[in-house]
Amino acid sequence: MADQELTRSVAEKLEAIRIAARYVFPTAGIDSMLAEIEAGYGTAEPSPEPSKIDPCKD
């Protein structure tokens, strides 16, 4: 029974990842993200360019 629950749990998690991968989420450029990680969350300078990904446009 525990194996079934574990397998189902993994399958559900993979399905959630597959569903999420169908969408586009806004994100910063890699340089901005790395700068934020290096400096600590919320303390890095903002990116000079706004994100080019607009989730409202098709």
Foldseek 3Di string as FASTA:
>chain_A
DVVVVVVVVVVVVVVVVVVVVVADDFDDDPVQVVQCVVVDHPPGDDDPDGTPDDRVDD
